[in-house]
Amino acid sequence: MVKQTTNYGDTLNQAINIISEGTSIKGDVVTSGDIRIDGTLVGNIEAKGKLVIGPKGKVEGEIICNNVELSGLIKGKIVVHELFNMKSSAQIIGDIIVGKLSIEPGSIFTGNCSMGSNKPADDSKQSK
């Protein structure tokens, strides 16, 4: 377990949360740390750290986090602020919004993708 200190001197525990193979959860998960899913989650995930979905991992719901490494299956909308890494066994059914996207040959994606800055376009730069 890694401990992190905030600006206020408080200590936060940054643990890695694991949903093991053979485990099925229905409900939302919110964490300030990292999470690994090798089982099944039906619900939404909001993580400030990294989300890893193993080859047998399945998520059905909305995902919002900083980084994702996907080897399993996701059905739903995905928002990744930094890097989304799709391994060769990855499968996505849904839309993704990412900062950066890495896709290995063999991965499957059905949906729409928006990549780059999450900020809206600056209209003031357009000519009049």
C-alpha atoms as a PDB file:
ATOM      1  CA  MET A   1       0.000   0.000   0.000  1.00  0.00           C
ATOM      2  CA  VAL A   2       1.256   3.456  -0.945  1.00  0.00           C
ATOM      3  CA  LYS A   3       0.528   6.478   1.239  1.00  0.00           C
ATOM      4  CA  GLN A   4       0.113   9.908  -0.276  1.00  0.00           C
ATOM      5  CA  THR A   5       0.095  13.210   1.588  1.00  0.00           C
ATOM      6  CA  THR A   6      -2.267  16.019   0.568  1.00  0.00           C
ATOM      7  CA  ASN A   7      -1.518  19.744   0.784  1.00  0.00           C
ATOM      8  CA  TYR A   8      -3.289  19.788   4.117  1.00  0.00           C
ATOM      9  CA  GLY A   9      -1.020  17.206   5.762  1.00  0.00           C
ATOM     10  CA  ASP A  10      -3.674  14.475   5.658  1.00  0.00           C
ATOM     11  CA  THR A  11      -2.594  10.984   4.635  1.00  0.00           C
ATOM     12  CA  LEU A  12      -4.552   9.134   1.948  1.00  0.00           C
ATOM     13  CA  ASN A  13      -4.231   5.369   1.527  1.00  0.00           C
ATOM     14  CA  GLN A  14      -3.739   4.513  -2.153  1.00  0.00           C
ATOM     15  CA  ALA A  15      -4.599   0.822  -2.320  1.00  0.00           C
ATOM     16  CA  ILE A  16      -5.092  -1.314  -5.420  1.00  0.00           C
ATOM     17  CA  ASN A  17      -8.652  -2.613  -5.460  1.00  0.00           C
ATOM     18  CA  ILE A  18      -9.118  -6.052  -7.059  1.00  0.00           C
ATOM     19  CA  ILE A  19     -12.277  -7.759  -8.271  1.00  0.00           C
ATOM     20  CA  SER A  20     -11.072 -11.322  -8.788  1.00  0.00           C
ATOM     21  CA  GLU A  21     -12.085 -13.852 -11.432  1.00  0.00           C
ATOM     22  CA  GLY A  22     -15.266 -15.623 -10.357  1.00  0.00           C
ATOM     23  CA  THR A  23     -16.553 -12.502  -8.568  1.00  0.00           C
ATOM     24  CA  SER A  24     -19.599 -10.638  -9.876  1.00  0.00           C
ATOM     25  CA  ILE A  25     -20.633  -7.217  -8.546  1.00  0.00           C
ATOM     26  CA  LYS A  26     -23.704  -5.129  -9.325  1.00  0.00           C
ATOM     27  CA  GLY A  27     -23.305  -1.491  -8.307  1.00  0.00           C
ATOM     28  CA  ASP A  28     -21.133   1.580  -8.770  1.00  0.00           C
ATOM     29  CA  VAL A  29     -17.475   1.782  -7.757  1.00  0.00           C
ATOM     30  CA  VAL A  30     -15.787   5.067  -6.795  1.00  0.00           C
ATOM     31  CA  THR A  31     -12.116   5.036  -5.787  1.00  0.00           C
ATOM     32  CA  SER A  32      -9.254   7.484  -5.431  1.00  0.00           C
ATOM     33  CA  GLY A  33      -6.764   4.689  -6.163  1.00  0.00           C
ATOM     34  CA  ASP A  34      -6.187   2.034  -8.824  1.00  0.00           C
ATOM     35  CA  ILE A  35      -8.539  -0.847  -9.591  1.00  0.00           C
ATOM     36  CA  ARG A  36      -8.134  -4.193 -11.375  1.00  0.00           C
ATOM     37  CA  ILE A  37     -11.093  -6.218 -12.610  1.00  0.00           C
ATOM     38  CA  ASP A  38     -10.749  -9.887 -13.502  1.00  0.00           C
ATOM     39  CA  GLY A  39     -14.373 -10.694 -12.662  1.00  0.00           C
ATOM     40  CA  THR A  40     -17.626  -9.028 -13.736  1.00  0.00           C
ATOM     41  CA  LEU A  41     -18.938  -5.585 -12.794  1.00  0.00           C
ATOM     42  CA  VAL A  42     -22.371  -4.318 -13.803  1.00  0.00           C
ATOM     43  CA  GLY A  43     -22.319  -0.656 -12.822  1.00  0.00           C
ATOM     44  CA  ASN A  44     -20.304   2.516 -13.221  1.00  0.00           C
ATOM     45  CA  ILE A  45     -16.654   3.063 -12.302  1.00  0.00           C
ATOM     46  CA  GLU A  46     -15.062   6.357 -11.330  1.00  0.00           C
ATOM     47  CA  ALA A  47     -11.359   6.062 -10.498  1.00  0.00           C
ATOM     48  CA  LYS A  48      -8.747   8.763 -10.051  1.00  0.00           C
ATOM     49  CA  GLY A  49      -6.007   6.196 -10.690  1.00  0.00           C
ATOM     50  CA  LYS A  50      -5.545   3.444 -13.274  1.00  0.00           C
ATOM     51  CA  LEU A  51      -8.171   0.879 -14.250  1.00  0.00           C
ATOM     52  CA  VAL A  52      -6.923  -2.514 -15.466  1.00  0.00           C
ATOM     53  CA  ILE A  53      -9.418  -4.979 -16.916  1.00  0.00           C
ATOM     54  CA  GLY A  54      -7.867  -8.429 -17.296  1.00  0.00           C
ATOM     55  CA  PRO A  55      -8.503 -10.854 -20.190  1.00  0.00           C
ATOM     56  CA  LYS A  56     -11.517 -12.426 -18.427  1.00  0.00           C
ATOM     57  CA  GLY A  57     -12.733  -9.139 -16.926  1.00  0.00           C
ATOM     58  CA  LYS A  58     -16.079  -7.661 -18.006  1.00  0.00           C
ATOM     59  CA  VAL A  59     -17.601  -4.262 -17.248  1.00  0.00           C
ATOM     60  CA  GLU A  60     -21.057  -3.100 -18.273  1.00  0.00           C
ATOM     61  CA  GLY A  61     -21.558   0.571 -17.435  1.00  0.00           C
ATOM     62  CA  GLU A  62     -19.967   3.998 -17.662  1.00  0.00           C
ATOM     63  CA  ILE A  63     -16.259   4.395 -16.881  1.00  0.00           C
ATOM     64  CA  ILE A  64     -14.503   7.649 -15.944  1.00  0.00           C
ATOM     65  CA  CYS A  65     -10.819   7.517 -14.991  1.00  0.00           C
ATOM     66  CA  ASN A  66      -7.313   8.778 -15.743  1.00  0.00           C
ATOM     67  CA  ASN A  67      -5.760   5.677 -17.376  1.00  0.00           C
ATOM     68  CA  VAL A  68      -7.126   2.351 -18.640  1.00  0.00           C
ATOM     69  CA  GLU A  69      -5.460  -0.878 -19.737  1.00  0.00           C
ATOM     70  CA  LEU A  70      -8.053  -3.164 -21.334  1.00  0.00           C
ATOM     71  CA  SER A  71      -7.610  -6.841 -22.122  1.00  0.00           C
ATOM     72  CA  GLY A  72     -11.230  -7.880 -21.502  1.00  0.00           C
ATOM     73  CA  LEU A  73     -14.693  -6.538 -22.405  1.00  0.00           C
ATOM     74  CA  ILE A  74     -16.386  -3.183 -21.817  1.00  0.00           C
ATOM     75  CA  LYS A  75     -19.996  -2.389 -22.767  1.00  0.00           C
ATOM     76  CA  GLY A  76     -20.749   1.296 -22.200  1.00  0.00           C
ATOM     77  CA  LYS A  77     -19.390   4.830 -22.398  1.00  0.00           C
ATOM     78  CA  ILE A  78     -15.736   5.328 -21.469  1.00  0.00           C
ATOM     79  CA  VAL A  79     -14.015   8.614 -20.578  1.00  0.00           C
ATOM     80  CA  VAL A  80     -10.245   8.397 -20.092  1.00  0.00           C
ATOM     81  CA  HIS A  81      -8.451  11.661 -19.293  1.00  0.00           C
ATOM     82  CA  GLU A  82      -4.963  10.423 -20.199  1.00  0.00           C
ATOM     83  CA  LEU A  83      -4.003   7.078 -21.860  1.00  0.00           C
ATOM     84  CA  PHE A  84      -6.344   4.280 -22.967  1.00  0.00           C
ATOM     85  CA  ASN A  85      -4.368   1.143 -23.881  1.00  0.00           C
ATOM     86  CA  MET A  86      -6.309  -1.581 -25.742  1.00  0.00           C
ATOM     87  CA  LYS A  87      -4.524  -4.944 -25.740  1.00  0.00           C
ATOM     88  CA  SER A  88      -5.006  -7.494 -28.554  1.00  0.00           C
ATOM     89  CA  SER A  89      -7.784  -9.331 -26.649  1.00  0.00           C
ATOM     90  CA  ALA A  90      -9.720  -6.118 -25.836  1.00  0.00           C
ATOM     91  CA  GLN A  91     -13.360  -5.690 -26.854  1.00  0.00           C
ATOM     92  CA  ILE A  92     -15.419  -2.496 -26.605  1.00  0.00           C
ATOM     93  CA  ILE A  93     -19.074  -1.959 -27.409  1.00  0.00           C
ATOM     94  CA  GLY A  94     -19.742   1.730 -26.792  1.00  0.00           C
ATOM     95  CA  ASP A  95     -18.355   5.214 -27.214  1.00  0.00           C
ATOM     96  CA  ILE A  96     -14.976   6.391 -25.935  1.00  0.00           C
ATOM     97  CA  ILE A  97     -13.564   9.830 -25.176  1.00  0.00           C
ATOM     98  CA  VAL A  98      -9.811   9.722 -24.592  1.00  0.00           C
ATOM     99  CA  GLY A  99      -6.747  11.914 -24.290  1.00  0.00           C
ATOM    100  CA  LYS A 100      -4.476   9.350 -26.007  1.00  0.00           C
ATOM    101  CA  LEU A 101      -5.348   5.966 -27.502  1.00  0.00           C
ATOM    102  CA  SER A 102      -3.114   2.917 -28.056  1.00  0.00           C
ATOM    103  CA  ILE A 103      -4.618  -0.036 -29.940  1.00  0.00           C
ATOM    104  CA  GLU A 104      -2.928  -3.409 -30.472  1.00  0.00           C
ATOM    105  CA  PRO A 105      -3.838  -5.433 -33.582  1.00  0.00           C
ATOM    106  CA  GLY A 106      -6.653  -7.897 -32.867  1.00  0.00           C
ATOM    107  CA  SER A 107      -8.659  -5.670 -30.519  1.00  0.00           C
ATOM    108  CA  ILE A 108     -12.336  -5.076 -31.374  1.00  0.00           C
ATOM    109  CA  PHE A 109     -14.109  -1.718 -31.100  1.00  0.00           C
ATOM    110  CA  THR A 110     -17.725  -0.955 -32.028  1.00  0.00           C
ATOM    111  CA  GLY A 111     -18.759   2.642 -31.375  1.00  0.00           C
ATOM    112  CA  ASN A 112     -17.536   6.214 -31.697  1.00  0.00           C
ATOM    113  CA  CYS A 113     -14.213   7.638 -30.582  1.00  0.00           C
ATOM    114  CA  SER A 114     -13.231  11.203 -29.722  1.00  0.00           C
ATOM    115  CA  MET A 115      -9.511  11.612 -29.079  1.00  0.00           C
ATOM    116  CA  GLY A 116      -7.454  14.593 -27.973  1.00  0.00           C
ATOM    117  CA  SER A 117      -8.252  17.494 -25.722  1.00  0.00           C
ATOM    118  CA  ASN A 118     -11.479  17.300 -23.710  1.00  0.00           C
ATOM    119  CA  LYS A 119     -11.716  21.091 -23.868  1.00  0.00           C
ATOM    120  CA  PRO A 120     -14.239  22.730 -26.228  1.00  0.00           C
ATOM    121  CA  ALA A 121     -12.897  24.420 -29.349  1.00  0.00           C
ATOM    122  CA  ASP A 122     -11.920  28.088 -28.975  1.00  0.00           C
ATOM    123  CA  ASP A 123     -14.319  30.049 -31.217  1.00  0.00           C
ATOM    124  CA  SER A 124     -12.279  33.279 -30.899  1.00  0.00           C
ATOM    125  CA  LYS A 125      -9.591  31.876 -33.215  1.00  0.00           C
ATOM    126  CA  GLN A 126     -12.006  31.536 -36.143  1.00  0.00           C
ATOM    127  CA  SER A 127     -11.866  34.275 -38.770  1.00  0.00           C
ATOM    128  CA  LYS A 128     -14.851  36.600 -39.051  1.00  0.00           C
END
